[in-house]
């Protein structure tokens, strides 16, 4: 059993890849969420590698040859008893995205980018990362940024105390990785679905901290009696204690 908590098939594949590459498959298994939409069980999956292919050439005769030019990996779900299939490290069956749903308060202005990024994640982690970087670029002005450059916009929001240091780190992470997706450099996102998956979670985290939590606080404050609100205002002006 791989001794770290796993969530998605892509993350499980990355964690198991060393054993798969060296064909140390005996007892190699992982707990992760089955990507089949009608299963979605968090359960054990048993890994295997397809190294040969058999072809029926007669009524009961098979021709077997070594598989060349492709790396096919399977993970058998113990719950639904189906194989999750990876071709050259990319999940091809089921052909569905494992991206998390968007945050409840995601602005409509960036919903299309999020949805499209989720749709292309299985086939193009790099493309998904680039779209999420675009979503961040469109999100920053909605949070109050006025500068032109995305790097300067993040610094502006920090200076205005609109976002916390933790949110700033999440924004910069998405900015840097998203830039690498568009102009590859030190980070290669070509087949890195796990990193792209992390960007979806980061964007939802940013929305939760920068939009949802302030919204909830404002809604609760608005329920206070008017007299209390006025007293709080006088307290903050230094004229009265609440």
C-alpha atoms as a PDB file:
ATOM      1  CA  UNK A   1       0.000   0.000   0.000  1.00  0.00           C
ATOM      2  CA  UNK A   2       1.370   3.420  -0.888  1.00  0.00           C
ATOM      3  CA  UNK A   3       1.608   5.190   2.440  1.00  0.00           C
ATOM      4  CA  UNK A   4       0.387   8.682   1.576  1.00  0.00           C
ATOM      5  CA  UNK A   5      -3.197   9.939   1.275  1.00  0.00           C
ATOM      6  CA  UNK A   6      -4.306  10.070  -2.351  1.00  0.00           C
ATOM      7  CA  UNK A   7      -7.320  11.754  -3.891  1.00  0.00           C
ATOM      8  CA  UNK A   8      -7.415  11.367  -7.646  1.00  0.00           C
ATOM      9  CA  UNK A   9      -6.337   8.819 -10.230  1.00  0.00           C
ATOM     10  CA  UNK A  10      -3.784  11.264 -11.659  1.00  0.00           C
ATOM     11  CA  UNK A  11      -2.164  11.785  -8.262  1.00  0.00           C
ATOM     12  CA  UNK A  12      -2.185   8.047  -7.590  1.00  0.00           C
ATOM     13  CA  UNK A  13      -0.540   7.357 -10.959  1.00  0.00           C
ATOM     14  CA  UNK A  14       2.251   9.850 -10.217  1.00  0.00           C
ATOM     15  CA  UNK A  15       2.853   8.286  -6.797  1.00  0.00           C
ATOM     16  CA  UNK A  16       2.916   4.764  -8.239  1.00  0.00           C
ATOM     17  CA  UNK A  17       4.968   5.596 -11.322  1.00  0.00           C
ATOM     18  CA  UNK A  18       8.326   4.435  -9.921  1.00  0.00           C
ATOM     19  CA  UNK A  19       7.011   0.983  -9.157  1.00  0.00           C
ATOM     20  CA  UNK A  20       5.271   0.864 -12.515  1.00  0.00           C
ATOM     21  CA  UNK A  21       8.407   1.840 -14.405  1.00  0.00           C
ATOM     22  CA  UNK A  22      10.466  -0.868 -12.720  1.00  0.00           C
ATOM     23  CA  UNK A  23       7.698  -3.470 -13.059  1.00  0.00           C
ATOM     24  CA  UNK A  24       7.604  -3.981  -9.294  1.00  0.00           C
ATOM     25  CA  UNK A  25       3.888  -4.619  -9.527  1.00  0.00           C
ATOM     26  CA  UNK A  26       3.400  -7.326  -6.939  1.00  0.00           C
ATOM     27  CA  UNK A  27       0.998  -6.014  -4.296  1.00  0.00           C
ATOM     28  CA  UNK A  28       1.225  -2.488  -5.796  1.00  0.00           C
ATOM     29  CA  UNK A  29      -2.055  -0.806  -4.990  1.00  0.00           C
ATOM     30  CA  UNK A  30      -3.383   2.650  -4.135  1.00  0.00           C
ATOM     31  CA  UNK A  31      -6.423   4.132  -2.448  1.00  0.00           C
ATOM     32  CA  UNK A  32      -7.981   6.870  -4.546  1.00  0.00           C
ATOM     33  CA  UNK A  33     -11.327   8.125  -5.792  1.00  0.00           C
ATOM     34  CA  UNK A  34     -12.516   6.038  -8.723  1.00  0.00           C
ATOM     35  CA  UNK A  35     -12.918   8.407 -11.701  1.00  0.00           C
ATOM     36  CA  UNK A  36     -15.938   6.566 -13.148  1.00  0.00           C
ATOM     37  CA  UNK A  37     -18.884   8.955 -12.612  1.00  0.00           C
ATOM     38  CA  UNK A  38     -21.226   6.181 -11.471  1.00  0.00           C
ATOM     39  CA  UNK A  39     -18.710   4.862  -8.920  1.00  0.00           C
ATOM     40  CA  UNK A  40     -16.615   7.657  -7.339  1.00  0.00           C
ATOM     41  CA  UNK A  41     -15.714   5.350  -4.452  1.00  0.00           C
ATOM     42  CA  UNK A  42     -12.599   6.029  -2.416  1.00  0.00           C
ATOM     43  CA  UNK A  43     -11.247   2.505  -2.539  1.00  0.00           C
ATOM     44  CA  UNK A  44      -8.301   0.243  -3.343  1.00  0.00           C
ATOM     45  CA  UNK A  45      -7.095   0.057  -6.953  1.00  0.00           C
ATOM     46  CA  UNK A  46      -4.670  -2.621  -8.126  1.00  0.00           C
ATOM     47  CA  UNK A  47      -2.047  -1.503 -10.649  1.00  0.00           C
ATOM     48  CA  UNK A  48      -0.851  -3.332 -13.737  1.00  0.00           C
ATOM     49  CA  UNK A  49       1.123  -2.702 -16.906  1.00  0.00           C
ATOM     50  CA  UNK A  50       0.165  -4.036 -20.345  1.00  0.00           C
ATOM     51  CA  UNK A  51       3.335  -5.314 -21.992  1.00  0.00           C
ATOM     52  CA  UNK A  52       1.882  -7.635 -24.668  1.00  0.00           C
ATOM     53  CA  UNK A  53      -1.189  -7.825 -26.857  1.00  0.00           C
ATOM     54  CA  UNK A  54      -3.038 -10.915 -28.114  1.00  0.00           C
ATOM     55  CA  UNK A  55      -4.945 -10.962 -31.407  1.00  0.00           C
ATOM     56  CA  UNK A  56      -7.528 -13.553 -32.397  1.00  0.00           C
ATOM     57  CA  UNK A  57      -6.417 -15.036 -35.732  1.00  0.00           C
ATOM     58  CA  UNK A  58      -8.705 -18.042 -35.852  1.00  0.00           C
ATOM     59  CA  UNK A  59     -11.640 -19.657 -34.132  1.00  0.00           C
ATOM     60  CA  UNK A  60      -9.505 -20.370 -31.055  1.00  0.00           C
ATOM     61  CA  UNK A  61      -6.020 -19.258 -32.038  1.00  0.00           C
ATOM     62  CA  UNK A  62      -4.328 -16.163 -30.671  1.00  0.00           C
ATOM     63  CA  UNK A  63      -1.247 -14.368 -31.879  1.00  0.00           C
ATOM     64  CA  UNK A  64       0.640 -12.606 -29.083  1.00  0.00           C
ATOM     65  CA  UNK A  65       3.278  -9.949 -29.551  1.00  0.00           C
ATOM     66  CA  UNK A  66       5.109  -7.489 -27.327  1.00  0.00           C
ATOM     67  CA  UNK A  67       3.516  -4.067 -27.150  1.00  0.00           C
ATOM     68  CA  UNK A  68       5.847  -1.384 -28.457  1.00  0.00           C
ATOM     69  CA  UNK A  69       5.576   2.356 -28.848  1.00  0.00           C
ATOM     70  CA  UNK A  70       3.086   2.921 -26.024  1.00  0.00           C
ATOM     71  CA  UNK A  71       2.941   2.532 -22.254  1.00  0.00           C
ATOM     72  CA  UNK A  72      -0.459   1.302 -21.118  1.00  0.00           C
ATOM     73  CA  UNK A  73      -1.140   1.166 -17.382  1.00  0.00           C
ATOM     74  CA  UNK A  74      -4.286  -0.029 -15.645  1.00  0.00           C
ATOM     75  CA  UNK A  75      -5.702   0.425 -12.153  1.00  0.00           C
ATOM     76  CA  UNK A  76      -8.458  -2.055 -11.285  1.00  0.00           C
ATOM     77  CA  UNK A  77     -11.143  -0.559  -9.017  1.00  0.00           C
ATOM     78  CA  UNK A  78     -12.106  -2.957  -6.242  1.00  0.00           C
ATOM     79  CA  UNK A  79     -15.513  -1.297  -5.923  1.00  0.00           C
ATOM     80  CA  UNK A  80     -16.926  -1.170  -9.466  1.00  0.00           C
ATOM     81  CA  UNK A  81     -14.545  -3.824 -10.854  1.00  0.00           C
ATOM     82  CA  UNK A  82     -13.499  -1.777 -13.862  1.00  0.00           C
ATOM     83  CA  UNK A  83     -10.070  -0.717 -15.083  1.00  0.00           C
ATOM     84  CA  UNK A  84      -8.910   2.880 -15.111  1.00  0.00           C
ATOM     85  CA  UNK A  85      -6.638   3.014 -18.166  1.00  0.00           C
ATOM     86  CA  UNK A  86      -3.649   5.313 -18.695  1.00  0.00           C
ATOM     87  CA  UNK A  87      -1.905   5.748 -22.039  1.00  0.00           C
ATOM     88  CA  UNK A  88       1.593   7.222 -21.774  1.00  0.00           C
ATOM     89  CA  UNK A  89       0.704   8.600 -18.359  1.00  0.00           C
ATOM     90  CA  UNK A  90      -2.609  10.185 -19.359  1.00  0.00           C
ATOM     91  CA  UNK A  91      -5.944   8.790 -18.244  1.00  0.00           C
ATOM     92  CA  UNK A  92      -7.912   7.765 -21.336  1.00  0.00           C
ATOM     93  CA  UNK A  93     -10.634   5.667 -19.712  1.00  0.00           C
ATOM     94  CA  UNK A  94     -12.901   6.898 -18.358  1.00  0.00           C
ATOM     95  CA  UNK A  95     -12.602   9.972 -20.544  1.00  0.00           C
ATOM     96  CA  UNK A  96     -13.740  12.333 -17.834  1.00  0.00           C
ATOM     97  CA  UNK A  97     -12.206  15.181 -15.905  1.00  0.00           C
ATOM     98  CA  UNK A  98     -11.328  14.783 -12.252  1.00  0.00           C
ATOM     99  CA  UNK A  99     -11.205  18.517 -11.668  1.00  0.00           C
ATOM    100  CA  UNK A 100     -13.133  19.627  -8.562  1.00  0.00           C
ATOM    101  CA  UNK A 101     -16.321  21.634  -9.073  1.00  0.00           C
ATOM    102  CA  UNK A 102     -15.894  25.410  -9.022  1.00  0.00           C
ATOM    103  CA  UNK A 103     -16.261  27.287  -5.759  1.00  0.00           C
ATOM    104  CA  UNK A 104     -19.799  28.359  -4.944  1.00  0.00           C
ATOM    105  CA  UNK A 105     -18.982  32.063  -5.290  1.00  0.00           C
ATOM    106  CA  UNK A 106     -16.865  31.852  -8.439  1.00  0.00           C
ATOM    107  CA  UNK A 107     -17.482  35.046 -10.442  1.00  0.00           C
ATOM    108  CA  UNK A 108     -19.420  34.496 -13.653  1.00  0.00           C
ATOM    109  CA  UNK A 109     -16.640  36.365 -15.472  1.00  0.00           C
ATOM    110  CA  UNK A 110     -14.219  33.453 -14.983  1.00  0.00           C
ATOM    111  CA  UNK A 111     -16.626  30.505 -14.939  1.00  0.00           C
ATOM    112  CA  UNK A 112     -16.091  29.729 -18.641  1.00  0.00           C
ATOM    113  CA  UNK A 113     -12.318  29.525 -18.176  1.00  0.00           C
ATOM    114  CA  UNK A 114     -12.733  27.196 -15.205  1.00  0.00           C
ATOM    115  CA  UNK A 115     -15.231  24.965 -17.009  1.00  0.00           C
ATOM    116  CA  UNK A 116     -13.110  24.730 -20.156  1.00  0.00           C
ATOM    117  CA  UNK A 117      -9.973  24.015 -18.125  1.00  0.00           C
ATOM    118  CA  UNK A 118     -11.775  21.174 -16.351  1.00  0.00           C
ATOM    119  CA  UNK A 119     -12.963  19.738 -19.659  1.00  0.00           C
ATOM    120  CA  UNK A 120      -9.491  19.602 -21.238  1.00  0.00           C
ATOM    121  CA  UNK A 121      -7.587  18.513 -18.111  1.00  0.00           C
ATOM    122  CA  UNK A 122      -7.434  14.787 -19.028  1.00  0.00           C
ATOM    123  CA  UNK A 123      -5.921  15.478 -22.440  1.00  0.00           C
ATOM    124  CA  UNK A 124      -3.955  18.666 -21.814  1.00  0.00           C
ATOM    125  CA  UNK A 125      -2.802  19.544 -18.282  1.00  0.00           C
ATOM    126  CA  UNK A 126      -0.716  22.348 -19.786  1.00  0.00           C
ATOM    127  CA  UNK A 127      -3.748  23.836 -21.528  1.00  0.00           C
ATOM    128  CA  UNK A 128      -5.793  23.599 -18.328  1.00  0.00           C
ATOM    129  CA  UNK A 129      -3.063  25.421 -16.392  1.00  0.00           C
ATOM    130  CA  UNK A 130      -2.911  28.178 -19.003  1.00  0.00           C
ATOM    131  CA  UNK A 131      -6.691  28.691 -18.820  1.00  0.00           C
ATOM    132  CA  UNK A 132      -6.607  28.851 -15.025  1.00  0.00           C
ATOM    133  CA  UNK A 133      -3.857  31.448 -15.220  1.00  0.00           C
ATOM    134  CA  UNK A 134      -6.157  33.471 -17.505  1.00  0.00           C
ATOM    135  CA  UNK A 135      -8.939  33.061 -14.930  1.00  0.00           C
ATOM    136  CA  UNK A 136      -6.664  34.552 -12.257  1.00  0.00           C
ATOM    137  CA  UNK A 137      -5.773  37.433 -14.572  1.00  0.00           C
ATOM    138  CA  UNK A 138      -9.491  38.202 -15.007  1.00  0.00           C
ATOM    139  CA  UNK A 139     -10.192  37.714 -11.294  1.00  0.00           C
ATOM    140  CA  UNK A 140      -7.689  40.262  -9.964  1.00  0.00           C
ATOM    141  CA  UNK A 141      -9.505  43.386 -11.266  1.00  0.00           C
ATOM    142  CA  UNK A 142     -12.711  41.997  -9.743  1.00  0.00           C
ATOM    143  CA  UNK A 143     -10.915  42.026  -6.392  1.00  0.00           C
ATOM    144  CA  UNK A 144      -9.915  45.671  -6.857  1.00  0.00           C
ATOM    145  CA  UNK A 145      -6.593  45.553  -8.724  1.00  0.00           C
ATOM    146  CA  UNK A 146      -6.019  48.494 -11.101  1.00  0.00           C
ATOM    147  CA  UNK A 147      -2.491  47.992 -12.403  1.00  0.00           C
ATOM    148  CA  UNK A 148      -1.813  46.400 -15.788  1.00  0.00           C
ATOM    149  CA  UNK A 149       0.713  43.669 -15.021  1.00  0.00           C
ATOM    150  CA  UNK A 150      -0.531  40.584 -13.168  1.00  0.00           C
ATOM    151  CA  UNK A 151       2.537  40.568 -10.909  1.00  0.00           C
ATOM    152  CA  UNK A 152       1.978  44.211  -9.970  1.00  0.00           C
ATOM    153  CA  UNK A 153      -1.741  43.548  -9.453  1.00  0.00           C
ATOM    154  CA  UNK A 154      -1.014  40.876  -6.860  1.00  0.00           C
ATOM    155  CA  UNK A 155       1.390  43.205  -5.044  1.00  0.00           C
ATOM    156  CA  UNK A 156      -1.238  45.954  -5.165  1.00  0.00           C
ATOM    157  CA  UNK A 157      -3.871  43.755  -3.505  1.00  0.00           C
ATOM    158  CA  UNK A 158      -1.391  42.766  -0.794  1.00  0.00           C
ATOM    159  CA  UNK A 159      -0.518  46.430  -0.155  1.00  0.00           C
ATOM    160  CA  UNK A 160      -4.212  47.301   0.100  1.00  0.00           C
ATOM    161  CA  UNK A 161      -4.707  44.357   2.499  1.00  0.00           C
ATOM    162  CA  UNK A 162      -7.393  42.986   0.206  1.00  0.00           C
ATOM    163  CA  UNK A 163      -5.771  39.547   0.276  1.00  0.00           C
ATOM    164  CA  UNK A 164      -3.804  37.756   2.963  1.00  0.00           C
ATOM    165  CA  UNK A 165      -0.241  36.537   2.594  1.00  0.00           C
ATOM    166  CA  UNK A 166      -1.505  32.990   2.108  1.00  0.00           C
ATOM    167  CA  UNK A 167      -3.801  34.078  -0.734  1.00  0.00           C
ATOM    168  CA  UNK A 168      -0.909  36.057  -2.233  1.00  0.00           C
ATOM    169  CA  UNK A 169       1.180  32.886  -2.253  1.00  0.00           C
ATOM    170  CA  UNK A 170      -1.636  30.995  -3.982  1.00  0.00           C
ATOM    171  CA  UNK A 171      -1.997  33.753  -6.586  1.00  0.00           C
ATOM    172  CA  UNK A 172       1.732  33.834  -7.281  1.00  0.00           C
ATOM    173  CA  UNK A 173       1.842  30.048  -7.540  1.00  0.00           C
ATOM    174  CA  UNK A 174      -0.896  30.127 -10.167  1.00  0.00           C
ATOM    175  CA  UNK A 175       0.793  33.026 -11.958  1.00  0.00           C
ATOM    176  CA  UNK A 176       4.191  31.323 -12.162  1.00  0.00           C
ATOM    177  CA  UNK A 177       2.933  27.851 -13.088  1.00  0.00           C
ATOM    178  CA  UNK A 178       0.436  29.332 -15.552  1.00  0.00           C
ATOM    179  CA  UNK A 179       3.207  31.320 -17.210  1.00  0.00           C
ATOM    180  CA  UNK A 180       5.279  28.133 -17.524  1.00  0.00           C
ATOM    181  CA  UNK A 181       2.312  26.467 -19.226  1.00  0.00           C
ATOM    182  CA  UNK A 182       2.303  29.175 -21.897  1.00  0.00           C
ATOM    183  CA  UNK A 183       6.093  29.598 -22.144  1.00  0.00           C
ATOM    184  CA  UNK A 184       7.682  26.338 -20.900  1.00  0.00           C
ATOM    185  CA  UNK A 185      10.844  26.817 -18.882  1.00  0.00           C
ATOM    186  CA  UNK A 186      11.849  25.104 -15.658  1.00  0.00           C
ATOM    187  CA  UNK A 187       8.419  23.539 -15.049  1.00  0.00           C
ATOM    188  CA  UNK A 188       7.202  20.985 -17.597  1.00  0.00           C
ATOM    189  CA  UNK A 189       3.435  20.633 -17.428  1.00  0.00           C
ATOM    190  CA  UNK A 190       3.037  18.547 -20.575  1.00  0.00           C
ATOM    191  CA  UNK A 191       1.943  15.411 -18.714  1.00  0.00           C
ATOM    192  CA  UNK A 192       1.657  16.751 -15.155  1.00  0.00           C
ATOM    193  CA  UNK A 193      -2.024  16.316 -14.383  1.00  0.00           C
ATOM    194  CA  UNK A 194      -1.397  16.322 -10.615  1.00  0.00           C
ATOM    195  CA  UNK A 195       0.083  19.842 -10.667  1.00  0.00           C
ATOM    196  CA  UNK A 196      -2.721  21.088 -12.898  1.00  0.00           C
ATOM    197  CA  UNK A 197      -5.217  19.522 -10.493  1.00  0.00           C
ATOM    198  CA  UNK A 198      -3.616  21.471  -7.667  1.00  0.00           C
ATOM    199  CA  UNK A 199      -4.253  24.708  -9.540  1.00  0.00           C
ATOM    200  CA  UNK A 200      -8.012  24.053  -9.554  1.00  0.00           C
ATOM    201  CA  UNK A 201      -7.883  23.652  -5.780  1.00  0.00           C
ATOM    202  CA  UNK A 202      -5.801  26.799  -5.407  1.00  0.00           C
ATOM    203  CA  UNK A 203      -8.252  28.865  -7.443  1.00  0.00           C
ATOM    204  CA  UNK A 204     -11.149  27.605  -5.339  1.00  0.00           C
ATOM    205  CA  UNK A 205      -9.119  28.435  -2.207  1.00  0.00           C
ATOM    206  CA  UNK A 206      -8.505  31.989  -3.481  1.00  0.00           C
ATOM    207  CA  UNK A 207     -12.204  32.498  -4.179  1.00  0.00           C
ATOM    208  CA  UNK A 208     -13.165  31.117  -0.767  1.00  0.00           C
ATOM    209  CA  UNK A 209     -10.746  33.388   1.117  1.00  0.00           C
ATOM    210  CA  UNK A 210     -11.026  36.535  -1.008  1.00  0.00           C
ATOM    211  CA  UNK A 211     -14.740  36.433  -1.870  1.00  0.00           C
ATOM    212  CA  UNK A 212     -16.794  33.909   0.108  1.00  0.00           C
ATOM    213  CA  UNK A 213     -15.475  34.582   3.627  1.00  0.00           C
ATOM    214  CA  UNK A 214     -15.712  38.412   3.373  1.00  0.00           C
ATOM    215  CA  UNK A 215     -19.187  38.022   1.877  1.00  0.00           C
ATOM    216  CA  UNK A 216     -20.302  35.869   4.802  1.00  0.00           C
ATOM    217  CA  UNK A 217     -18.815  38.293   7.342  1.00  0.00           C
ATOM    218  CA  UNK A 218     -20.585  41.236   5.673  1.00  0.00           C
ATOM    219  CA  UNK A 219     -23.892  39.361   5.650  1.00  0.00           C
ATOM    220  CA  UNK A 220     -23.647  38.582   9.364  1.00  0.00           C
ATOM    221  CA  UNK A 221     -22.607  42.137  10.244  1.00  0.00           C
ATOM    222  CA  UNK A 222     -25.597  43.481   8.292  1.00  0.00           C
ATOM    223  CA  UNK A 223     -27.898  41.606  10.665  1.00  0.00           C
ATOM    224  CA  UNK A 224     -26.751  43.614  13.708  1.00  0.00           C
ATOM    225  CA  UNK A 225     -29.172  46.212  15.129  1.00  0.00           C
ATOM    226  CA  UNK A 226     -28.638  49.660  13.673  1.00  0.00           C
ATOM    227  CA  UNK A 227     -27.888  51.120  17.085  1.00  0.00           C
ATOM    228  CA  UNK A 228     -25.071  48.635  17.597  1.00  0.00           C
ATOM    229  CA  UNK A 229     -23.656  49.401  14.166  1.00  0.00           C
ATOM    230  CA  UNK A 230     -23.649  53.134  14.942  1.00  0.00           C
ATOM    231  CA  UNK A 231     -21.977  52.511  18.298  1.00  0.00           C
ATOM    232  CA  UNK A 232     -19.277  50.435  16.592  1.00  0.00           C
ATOM    233  CA  UNK A 233     -18.691  53.285  14.150  1.00  0.00           C
ATOM    234  CA  UNK A 234     -18.318  55.772  17.024  1.00  0.00           C
ATOM    235  CA  UNK A 235     -15.936  53.373  18.770  1.00  0.00           C
ATOM    236  CA  UNK A 236     -13.780  53.177  15.680  1.00  0.00           C
ATOM    237  CA  UNK A 237     -13.781  56.968  15.496  1.00  0.00           C
ATOM    238  CA  UNK A 238     -12.562  56.988  19.089  1.00  0.00           C
ATOM    239  CA  UNK A 239     -15.655  58.770  20.392  1.00  0.00           C
ATOM    240  CA  UNK A 240     -17.443  55.987  22.263  1.00  0.00           C
ATOM    241  CA  UNK A 241     -17.061  52.484  23.656  1.00  0.00           C
ATOM    242  CA  UNK A 242     -19.404  49.732  22.521  1.00  0.00           C
END
